[in-house]
Protein backbone atom coordinates (compact mmCIF):
# COMPACT_ATOMS: atom_id res chain seq x y z
CA MET A 1 -14.31 -1.22 14.62
CA GLY A 2 -13.81 2.52 14.97
CA LYS A 3 -16.20 5.13 13.69
CA SER A 4 -13.78 6.34 11.02
CA TYR A 5 -11.41 4.74 8.56
CA ARG A 6 -8.73 6.91 10.20
CA ASP A 7 -9.09 4.78 13.34
CA LEU A 8 -8.10 1.63 11.44
CA VAL A 9 -4.52 0.45 12.02
CA ALA A 10 -4.47 -0.82 8.42
CA TRP A 11 -5.24 2.66 7.09
CA GLN A 12 -2.64 4.27 9.37
CA LYS A 13 0.06 1.82 8.28
CA ALA A 14 -0.93 2.29 4.65
CA MET A 15 -0.57 6.06 5.00
CA ASP A 16 2.90 5.57 6.50
CA LEU A 17 3.83 3.37 3.54
CA VAL A 18 2.59 6.00 1.06
CA THR A 19 4.81 8.58 2.72
CA ALA A 20 7.82 6.26 2.56
CA ILE A 21 7.20 5.46 -1.11
CA TYR A 22 6.94 9.12 -2.04
CA GLN A 23 10.15 9.92 -0.16
CA VAL A 24 12.08 7.05 -1.77
CA SER A 25 10.79 7.68 -5.28
CA THR A 26 11.88 11.33 -5.32
CA SER A 27 15.40 10.09 -6.11
CA PHE A 28 14.32 7.97 -9.11
CA PRO A 29 15.64 9.10 -12.51
CA LYS A 30 13.61 11.88 -14.14
CA GLY A 31 12.99 9.57 -17.08
CA GLU A 32 10.90 7.37 -14.76
CA LEU A 33 8.54 10.17 -13.74
CA TYR A 34 5.75 8.81 -15.97
CA GLY A 35 6.88 5.22 -15.63
CA LEU A 36 7.87 3.40 -12.50
CA THR A 37 7.66 6.46 -10.24
CA SER A 38 4.06 7.08 -11.23
CA GLN A 39 3.09 3.40 -11.06
CA LEU A 40 4.66 2.95 -7.64
CA ARG A 41 3.02 6.03 -6.20
CA ARG A 42 -0.40 5.16 -7.63
CA ALA A 43 -0.24 1.64 -6.21
CA ALA A 44 0.78 3.03 -2.82
CA VAL A 45 -2.00 5.64 -2.79
CA SER A 46 -4.53 2.99 -3.82
CA VAL A 47 -4.04 0.99 -0.61
CA PRO A 48 -5.29 3.54 1.98
CA SER A 49 -7.78 4.91 -0.56
CA ASN A 50 -9.47 1.51 -0.92
CA ILE A 51 -9.47 1.00 2.84
CA ALA A 52 -11.17 4.37 3.32
CA GLU A 53 -13.68 3.81 0.53
CA GLY A 54 -14.55 0.36 1.85
CA GLN A 55 -15.09 1.67 5.37
CA GLY A 56 -17.52 4.21 3.92
CA ARG A 57 -19.60 1.54 2.20
CA HIS A 58 -22.55 -0.16 3.80
CA GLY A 59 -22.01 -3.72 4.83
CA ALA A 60 -19.19 -6.09 5.57
CA ALA A 61 -19.24 -7.69 2.11
CA GLU A 62 -18.55 -4.39 0.37
CA PHE A 63 -15.86 -3.50 2.91
CA ARG A 64 -14.18 -6.89 2.32
CA HIS A 65 -14.24 -6.26 -1.43
CA PHE A 66 -12.37 -2.98 -1.04
CA LEU A 67 -9.93 -4.49 1.45
CA ARG A 68 -9.14 -7.17 -1.13
CA GLN A 69 -8.58 -4.42 -3.69
CA ALA A 70 -6.19 -2.78 -1.24
CA SER A 71 -4.39 -6.09 -0.81
CA GLY A 72 -4.02 -6.43 -4.57
CA SER A 73 -2.56 -2.94 -4.81
CA LEU A 74 -0.15 -3.87 -2.04
CA MET A 75 1.11 -6.86 -4.07
CA GLU A 76 1.50 -4.55 -7.07
CA LEU A 77 3.51 -2.14 -4.92
CA GLU A 78 5.78 -4.93 -3.65
CA THR A 79 6.51 -6.00 -7.21
CA GLN A 80 7.36 -2.44 -8.19
CA VAL A 81 9.69 -2.07 -5.21
CA MET A 82 11.52 -5.21 -6.35
CA ILE A 83 11.76 -3.78 -9.87
CA ALA A 84 13.18 -0.54 -8.47
CA GLU A 85 15.76 -2.55 -6.54
CA ARG A 86 16.75 -4.55 -9.64
CA LEU A 87 17.21 -1.30 -11.54
CA CYS A 88 19.34 0.04 -8.66
CA TYR A 89 16.90 2.90 -8.00
CA VAL A 90 16.70 1.84 -4.33
CA SER A 91 19.27 0.10 -2.19
CA PRO A 92 18.73 -3.49 -1.08
CA GLU A 93 18.34 -2.20 2.49
CA THR A 94 15.67 0.31 1.51
CA ALA A 95 13.82 -2.27 -0.56
CA ALA A 96 13.95 -4.76 2.33
CA LYS A 97 12.50 -2.16 4.73
CA LEU A 98 9.69 -1.27 2.33
CA LEU A 99 8.92 -4.95 1.76
CA ARG A 100 8.88 -5.64 5.52
CA ASP A 101 6.49 -2.75 6.07
CA SER A 102 4.34 -3.97 3.20
CA ALA A 103 4.26 -7.52 4.56
CA GLU A 104 3.21 -6.22 7.98
CA LEU A 105 0.44 -4.18 6.38
CA GLY A 106 -0.62 -7.26 4.42
CA ARG A 107 -0.97 -9.23 7.65
CA VAL A 108 -3.07 -6.46 9.18
CA LEU A 109 -5.27 -6.31 6.07
CA ASN A 110 -5.75 -10.09 6.10
CA GLY A 111 -6.68 -9.97 9.76
CA LEU A 112 -9.22 -7.25 9.07
CA ILE A 113 -10.66 -9.20 6.13
CA ASN A 114 -10.95 -12.34 8.26
CA SER A 115 -12.63 -10.42 11.07
CA LEU A 116 -15.39 -9.36 8.68
CA GLN A 117 -16.29 -12.91 7.62
């Protein structure tokens, strides 16, 4: 494992996903600013934040705990993307791309979790 959380592929992919979520959610209705927009962005930000915090902890068990938290936030984010699609805030194509990227990140996170056991 690298010396910094920034060296982790999971963190890098999570940061890319945060950027994509922020870009997509800028077009959400203004009435959603404190609703779905906020929830979606917070879930997205939580993923790389938990990866970074876990990397900074001492020991594999603590790191795994934070990686599992990141995974949970990722599932929350996927659900919110599907809600945004149902509400026609994002196109089916955009939602599919975000969900593919999320699934790929999930696989990377699971691999990292498994490597720490």
